[in-house]
Amino acid sequence: HHLHIVVHGGPVWIRHLHFRDALRASPVLAARYAALKAELAVRHPTDREAYTSAKTAFVNSLSDPN
């Protein structure tokens, strides 16, 4: 398990919600993210940090609320 704790209403909270909303609004983006996660799970089955790092660019591209 991996737990994120953020300040309610803070900048990280807002980025997380923006990312969630972007995926909900676009089935194409959601499918791309799911495929990326599946690929990375195979590539990094025991290295959570490498898995997370490898998806950072995609997540950041959808997380900017501006």
PDB file of N, CA and C in Angstrom:
ATOM      1  N   HIS A   1       0.835  -1.177   0.000  1.00  0.00           N
ATOM      2  CA  HIS A   1       0.000   0.000   0.000  1.00  0.00           C
ATOM      3  C   HIS A   1       0.878   1.237   0.000  1.00  0.00           C
ATOM      4  N   HIS A   2       0.371   2.264  -0.608  1.00  0.00           N
ATOM      5  CA  HIS A   2       1.078   3.542  -0.674  1.00  0.00           C
ATOM      6  C   HIS A   2       0.064   4.626  -0.349  1.00  0.00           C
ATOM      7  N   LEU A   3       0.351   5.398   0.667  1.00  0.00           N
ATOM      8  CA  LEU A   3      -0.598   6.397   1.143  1.00  0.00           C
ATOM      9  C   LEU A   3      -0.046   7.802   0.919  1.00  0.00           C
ATOM     10  N   HIS A   4      -0.882   8.676   0.379  1.00  0.00           N
ATOM     11  CA  HIS A   4      -0.544  10.092   0.228  1.00  0.00           C
ATOM     12  C   HIS A   4      -1.365  10.878   1.239  1.00  0.00           C
ATOM     13  N   ILE A   5      -0.716  11.744   1.977  1.00  0.00           N
ATOM     14  CA  ILE A   5      -1.420  12.631   2.902  1.00  0.00           C
ATOM     15  C   ILE A   5      -1.098  14.060   2.486  1.00  0.00           C
ATOM     16  N   VAL A   6      -2.142  14.841   2.215  1.00  0.00           N
ATOM     17  CA  VAL A   6      -1.962  16.224   1.771  1.00  0.00           C
ATOM     18  C   VAL A   6      -2.909  17.129   2.550  1.00  0.00           C
ATOM     19  N   VAL A   7      -2.610  18.400   2.525  1.00  0.00           N
ATOM     20  CA  VAL A   7      -3.450  19.386   3.191  1.00  0.00           C
ATOM     21  C   VAL A   7      -4.713  19.610   2.354  1.00  0.00           C
ATOM     22  N   HIS A   8      -5.870  19.433   2.984  1.00  0.00           N
ATOM     23  CA  HIS A   8      -7.140  19.652   2.296  1.00  0.00           C
ATOM     24  C   HIS A   8      -7.205  21.096   1.790  1.00  0.00           C
ATOM     25  N   GLY A   9      -7.432  21.253   0.501  1.00  0.00           N
ATOM     26  CA  GLY A   9      -7.534  22.575  -0.102  1.00  0.00           C
ATOM     27  C   GLY A   9      -6.200  23.181  -0.493  1.00  0.00           C
ATOM     28  N   GLY A  10      -5.098  22.506  -0.155  1.00  0.00           N
ATOM     29  CA  GLY A  10      -3.767  23.022  -0.480  1.00  0.00           C
ATOM     30  C   GLY A  10      -3.397  22.758  -1.934  1.00  0.00           C
ATOM     31  N   PRO A  11      -2.223  23.234  -2.350  1.00  0.00           N
ATOM     32  CA  PRO A  11      -1.819  23.104  -3.746  1.00  0.00           C
ATOM     33  C   PRO A  11      -1.673  21.653  -4.213  1.00  0.00           C
ATOM     34  N   VAL A  12      -1.167  20.782  -3.364  1.00  0.00           N
ATOM     35  CA  VAL A  12      -1.032  19.373  -3.767  1.00  0.00           C
ATOM     36  C   VAL A  12      -2.411  18.733  -3.888  1.00  0.00           C
ATOM     37  N   TRP A  13      -3.301  19.054  -2.973  1.00  0.00           N
ATOM     38  CA  TRP A  13      -4.694  18.579  -3.034  1.00  0.00           C
ATOM     39  C   TRP A  13      -5.322  18.987  -4.367  1.00  0.00           C
ATOM     40  N   ILE A  14      -5.157  20.241  -4.733  1.00  0.00           N
ATOM     41  CA  ILE A  14      -5.737  20.761  -5.975  1.00  0.00           C
ATOM     42  C   ILE A  14      -5.151  20.048  -7.191  1.00  0.00           C
ATOM     43  N   ARG A  15      -3.830  19.801  -7.187  1.00  0.00           N
ATOM     44  CA  ARG A  15      -3.206  19.082  -8.302  1.00  0.00           C
ATOM     45  C   ARG A  15      -3.750  17.667  -8.426  1.00  0.00           C
ATOM     46  N   HIS A  16      -3.921  16.991  -7.292  1.00  0.00           N
ATOM     47  CA  HIS A  16      -4.472  15.626  -7.319  1.00  0.00           C
ATOM     48  C   HIS A  16      -5.886  15.628  -7.900  1.00  0.00           C
ATOM     49  N   LEU A  17      -6.707  16.578  -7.473  1.00  0.00           N
ATOM     50  CA  LEU A  17      -8.074  16.651  -7.990  1.00  0.00           C
ATOM     51  C   LEU A  17      -8.095  16.993  -9.477  1.00  0.00           C
ATOM     52  N   HIS A  18      -7.204  17.883  -9.904  1.00  0.00           N
ATOM     53  CA  HIS A  18      -7.150  18.243 -11.319  1.00  0.00           C
ATOM     54  C   HIS A  18      -6.775  17.009 -12.153  1.00  0.00           C
ATOM     55  N   PHE A  19      -5.809  16.236 -11.677  1.00  0.00           N
ATOM     56  CA  PHE A  19      -5.417  15.006 -12.376  1.00  0.00           C
ATOM     57  C   PHE A  19      -6.604  14.037 -12.455  1.00  0.00           C
ATOM     58  N   ARG A  20      -7.274  13.821 -11.331  1.00  0.00           N
ATOM     59  CA  ARG A  20      -8.441  12.937 -11.303  1.00  0.00           C
ATOM     60  C   ARG A  20      -9.508  13.409 -12.285  1.00  0.00           C
ATOM     61  N   ASP A  21      -9.794  14.704 -12.264  1.00  0.00           N
ATOM     62  CA  ASP A  21     -10.838  15.247 -13.126  1.00  0.00           C
ATOM     63  C   ASP A  21     -10.473  15.143 -14.599  1.00  0.00           C
ATOM     64  N   ALA A  22      -9.176  15.315 -14.923  1.00  0.00           N
ATOM     65  CA  ALA A  22      -8.733  15.180 -16.313  1.00  0.00           C
ATOM     66  C   ALA A  22      -8.958  13.756 -16.809  1.00  0.00           C
ATOM     67  N   LEU A  23      -8.669  12.764 -15.969  1.00  0.00           N
ATOM     68  CA  LEU A  23      -8.888  11.372 -16.363  1.00  0.00           C
ATOM     69  C   LEU A  23     -10.378  11.057 -16.492  1.00  0.00           C
ATOM     70  N   ARG A  24     -11.180  11.592 -15.597  1.00  0.00           N
ATOM     71  CA  ARG A  24     -12.625  11.352 -15.663  1.00  0.00           C
ATOM     72  C   ARG A  24     -13.244  11.986 -16.905  1.00  0.00           C
ATOM     73  N   ALA A  25     -12.694  13.108 -17.340  1.00  0.00           N
ATOM     74  CA  ALA A  25     -13.250  13.839 -18.479  1.00  0.00           C
ATOM     75  C   ALA A  25     -12.846  13.236 -19.822  1.00  0.00           C
ATOM     76  N   SER A  26     -11.806  12.418 -19.834  1.00  0.00           N
ATOM     77  CA  SER A  26     -11.307  11.894 -21.102  1.00  0.00           C
ATOM     78  C   SER A  26     -11.042  10.392 -21.016  1.00  0.00           C
ATOM     79  N   PRO A  27     -11.930   9.596 -21.572  1.00  0.00           N
ATOM     80  CA  PRO A  27     -11.683   8.154 -21.598  1.00  0.00           C
ATOM     81  C   PRO A  27     -10.382   7.792 -22.328  1.00  0.00           C
ATOM     82  N   VAL A  28     -10.000   8.590 -23.303  1.00  0.00           N
ATOM     83  CA  VAL A  28      -8.759   8.328 -24.030  1.00  0.00           C
ATOM     84  C   VAL A  28      -7.556   8.504 -23.103  1.00  0.00           C
ATOM     85  N   LEU A  29      -7.537   9.603 -22.352  1.00  0.00           N
ATOM     86  CA  LEU A  29      -6.439   9.812 -21.406  1.00  0.00           C
ATOM     87  C   LEU A  29      -6.445   8.748 -20.319  1.00  0.00           C
ATOM     88  N   ALA A  30      -7.614   8.392 -19.836  1.00  0.00           N
ATOM     89  CA  ALA A  30      -7.709   7.355 -18.803  1.00  0.00           C
ATOM     90  C   ALA A  30      -7.163   6.027 -19.324  1.00  0.00           C
ATOM     91  N   ALA A  31      -7.476   5.691 -20.567  1.00  0.00           N
ATOM     92  CA  ALA A  31      -6.969   4.448 -21.160  1.00  0.00           C
ATOM     93  C   ALA A  31      -5.449   4.508 -21.346  1.00  0.00           C
ATOM     94  N   ARG A  32      -4.939   5.665 -21.754  1.00  0.00           N
ATOM     95  CA  ARG A  32      -3.486   5.824 -21.893  1.00  0.00           C
ATOM     96  C   ARG A  32      -2.795   5.654 -20.552  1.00  0.00           C
ATOM     97  N   TYR A  33      -3.371   6.225 -19.509  1.00  0.00           N
ATOM     98  CA  TYR A  33      -2.785   6.108 -18.175  1.00  0.00           C
ATOM     99  C   TYR A  33      -2.831   4.655 -17.693  1.00  0.00           C
ATOM    100  N   ALA A  34      -3.943   3.981 -17.920  1.00  0.00           N
ATOM    101  CA  ALA A  34      -4.068   2.574 -17.524  1.00  0.00           C
ATOM    102  C   ALA A  34      -3.035   1.715 -18.258  1.00  0.00           C
ATOM    103  N   ALA A  35      -2.853   1.966 -19.549  1.00  0.00           N
ATOM    104  CA  ALA A  35      -1.868   1.201 -20.323  1.00  0.00           C
ATOM    105  C   ALA A  35      -0.448   1.481 -19.826  1.00  0.00           C
ATOM    106  N   LEU A  36      -0.163   2.742 -19.528  1.00  0.00           N
ATOM    107  CA  LEU A  36       1.156   3.097 -18.998  1.00  0.00           C
ATOM    108  C   LEU A  36       1.405   2.382 -17.676  1.00  0.00           C
ATOM    109  N   LYS A  37       0.423   2.410 -16.779  1.00  0.00           N
ATOM    110  CA  LYS A  37       0.571   1.762 -15.485  1.00  0.00           C
ATOM    111  C   LYS A  37       0.782   0.251 -15.635  1.00  0.00           C
ATOM    112  N   ALA A  38       0.071  -0.372 -16.553  1.00  0.00           N
ATOM    113  CA  ALA A  38       0.233  -1.814 -16.777  1.00  0.00           C
ATOM    114  C   ALA A  38       1.635  -2.122 -17.294  1.00  0.00           C
ATOM    115  N   GLU A  39       2.102  -1.311 -18.248  1.00  0.00           N
ATOM    116  CA  GLU A  39       3.451  -1.494 -18.791  1.00  0.00           C
ATOM    117  C   GLU A  39       4.509  -1.324 -17.702  1.00  0.00           C
ATOM    118  N   LEU A  40       4.348  -0.300 -16.886  1.00  0.00           N
ATOM    119  CA  LEU A  40       5.330  -0.025 -15.843  1.00  0.00           C
ATOM    120  C   LEU A  40       5.292  -1.077 -14.738  1.00  0.00           C
ATOM    121  N   ALA A  41       4.130  -1.643 -14.468  1.00  0.00           N
ATOM    122  CA  ALA A  41       4.030  -2.704 -13.468  1.00  0.00           C
ATOM    123  C   ALA A  41       4.830  -3.930 -13.910  1.00  0.00           C
ATOM    124  N   VAL A  42       4.840  -4.195 -15.203  1.00  0.00           N
ATOM    125  CA  VAL A  42       5.634  -5.309 -15.737  1.00  0.00           C
ATOM    126  C   VAL A  42       7.121  -4.957 -15.695  1.00  0.00           C
ATOM    127  N   ARG A  43       7.441  -3.734 -16.049  1.00  0.00           N
ATOM    128  CA  ARG A  43       8.839  -3.297 -16.104  1.00  0.00           C
ATOM    129  C   ARG A  43       9.457  -3.151 -14.712  1.00  0.00           C
ATOM    130  N   HIS A  44       8.664  -2.755 -13.740  1.00  0.00           N
ATOM    131  CA  HIS A  44       9.166  -2.491 -12.383  1.00  0.00           C
ATOM    132  C   HIS A  44       8.318  -3.234 -11.338  1.00  0.00           C
ATOM    133  N   PRO A  45       8.286  -4.552 -11.385  1.00  0.00           N
ATOM    134  CA  PRO A  45       7.368  -5.280 -10.502  1.00  0.00           C
ATOM    135  C   PRO A  45       7.694  -5.179  -9.016  1.00  0.00           C
ATOM    136  N   THR A  46       8.932  -4.898  -8.669  1.00  0.00           N
ATOM    137  CA  THR A  46       9.309  -4.851  -7.251  1.00  0.00           C
ATOM    138  C   THR A  46       9.942  -3.520  -6.853  1.00  0.00           C
ATOM    139  N   ASP A  47       9.859  -2.543  -7.733  1.00  0.00           N
ATOM    140  CA  ASP A  47      10.499  -1.249  -7.454  1.00  0.00           C
ATOM    141  C   ASP A  47       9.478  -0.126  -7.578  1.00  0.00           C
ATOM    142  N   ARG A  48       8.773   0.145  -6.466  1.00  0.00           N
ATOM    143  CA  ARG A  48       7.716   1.157  -6.476  1.00  0.00           C
ATOM    144  C   ARG A  48       8.248   2.532  -6.850  1.00  0.00           C
ATOM    145  N   GLU A  49       9.448   2.869  -6.394  1.00  0.00           N
ATOM    146  CA  GLU A  49      10.001   4.188  -6.701  1.00  0.00           C
ATOM    147  C   GLU A  49      10.278   4.352  -8.191  1.00  0.00           C
ATOM    148  N   ALA A  50      10.801   3.317  -8.847  1.00  0.00           N
ATOM    149  CA  ALA A  50      11.041   3.386 -10.295  1.00  0.00           C
ATOM    150  C   ALA A  50       9.714   3.466 -11.048  1.00  0.00           C
ATOM    151  N   TYR A  51       8.736   2.697 -10.596  1.00  0.00           N
ATOM    152  CA  TYR A  51       7.401   2.729 -11.204  1.00  0.00           C
ATOM    153  C   TYR A  51       6.814   4.137 -11.129  1.00  0.00           C
ATOM    154  N   THR A  52       6.870   4.724  -9.941  1.00  0.00           N
ATOM    155  CA  THR A  52       6.324   6.069  -9.738  1.00  0.00           C
ATOM    156  C   THR A  52       7.085   7.094 -10.566  1.00  0.00           C
ATOM    157  N   SER A  53       8.387   7.009 -10.557  1.00  0.00           N
ATOM    158  CA  SER A  53       9.211   7.951 -11.317  1.00  0.00           C
ATOM    159  C   SER A  53       8.910   7.876 -12.810  1.00  0.00           C
ATOM    160  N   ALA A  54       8.691   6.670 -13.314  1.00  0.00           N
ATOM    161  CA  ALA A  54       8.456   6.485 -14.749  1.00  0.00           C
ATOM    162  C   ALA A  54       7.115   7.056 -15.206  1.00  0.00           C
ATOM    163  N   LYS A  55       6.173   7.229 -14.307  1.00  0.00           N
ATOM    164  CA  LYS A  55       4.887   7.799 -14.719  1.00  0.00           C
ATOM    165  C   LYS A  55       4.758   9.287 -14.380  1.00  0.00           C
ATOM    166  N   THR A  56       5.795   9.862 -13.800  1.00  0.00           N
ATOM    167  CA  THR A  56       5.752  11.248 -13.350  1.00  0.00           C
ATOM    168  C   THR A  56       5.452  12.232 -14.472  1.00  0.00           C
ATOM    169  N   ALA A  57       6.082  12.091 -15.612  1.00  0.00           N
ATOM    170  CA  ALA A  57       5.870  13.030 -16.721  1.00  0.00           C
ATOM    171  C   ALA A  57       4.401  13.035 -17.153  1.00  0.00           C
ATOM    172  N   PHE A  58       3.810  11.851 -17.245  1.00  0.00           N
ATOM    173  CA  PHE A  58       2.392  11.777 -17.637  1.00  0.00           C
ATOM    174  C   PHE A  58       1.512  12.441 -16.595  1.00  0.00           C
ATOM    175  N   VAL A  59       1.749  12.114 -15.337  1.00  0.00           N
ATOM    176  CA  VAL A  59       0.934  12.689 -14.255  1.00  0.00           C
ATOM    177  C   VAL A  59       1.087  14.210 -14.230  1.00  0.00           C
ATOM    178  N   ASN A  60       2.311  14.689 -14.332  1.00  0.00           N
ATOM    179  CA  ASN A  60       2.531  16.145 -14.303  1.00  0.00           C
ATOM    180  C   ASN A  60       1.872  16.844 -15.479  1.00  0.00           C
ATOM    181  N   SER A  61       1.809  16.179 -16.624  1.00  0.00           N
ATOM    182  CA  SER A  61       1.207  16.810 -17.802  1.00  0.00           C
ATOM    183  C   SER A  61      -0.290  17.049 -17.616  1.00  0.00           C
ATOM    184  N   LEU A  62      -0.920  16.314 -16.698  1.00  0.00           N
ATOM    185  CA  LEU A  62      -2.366  16.464 -16.453  1.00  0.00           C
ATOM    186  C   LEU A  62      -2.676  17.143 -15.132  1.00  0.00           C
ATOM    187  N   SER A  63      -1.662  17.416 -14.330  1.00  0.00           N
ATOM    188  CA  SER A  63      -1.895  17.903 -12.975  1.00  0.00           C
ATOM    189  C   SER A  63      -1.916  19.419 -12.847  1.00  0.00           C
ATOM    190  N   ASP A  64      -1.471  20.126 -13.852  1.00  0.00           N
ATOM    191  CA  ASP A  64      -1.383  21.588 -13.749  1.00  0.00           C
ATOM    192  C   ASP A  64      -2.773  22.193 -13.928  1.00  0.00           C
ATOM    193  N   PRO A  65      -3.301  22.817 -12.885  1.00  0.00           N
ATOM    194  CA  PRO A  65      -4.648  23.375 -12.980  1.00  0.00           C
ATOM    195  C   PRO A  65      -4.745  24.626 -13.847  1.00  0.00           C
ATOM    196  N   ASN A  66      -3.649  25.132 -14.340  1.00  0.00           N
ATOM    197  CA  ASN A  66      -3.683  26.346 -15.177  1.00  0.00           C
ATOM    198  C   ASN A  66      -3.786  26.032 -16.643  1.00  0.00           C
TER     199      ASN A  66
END
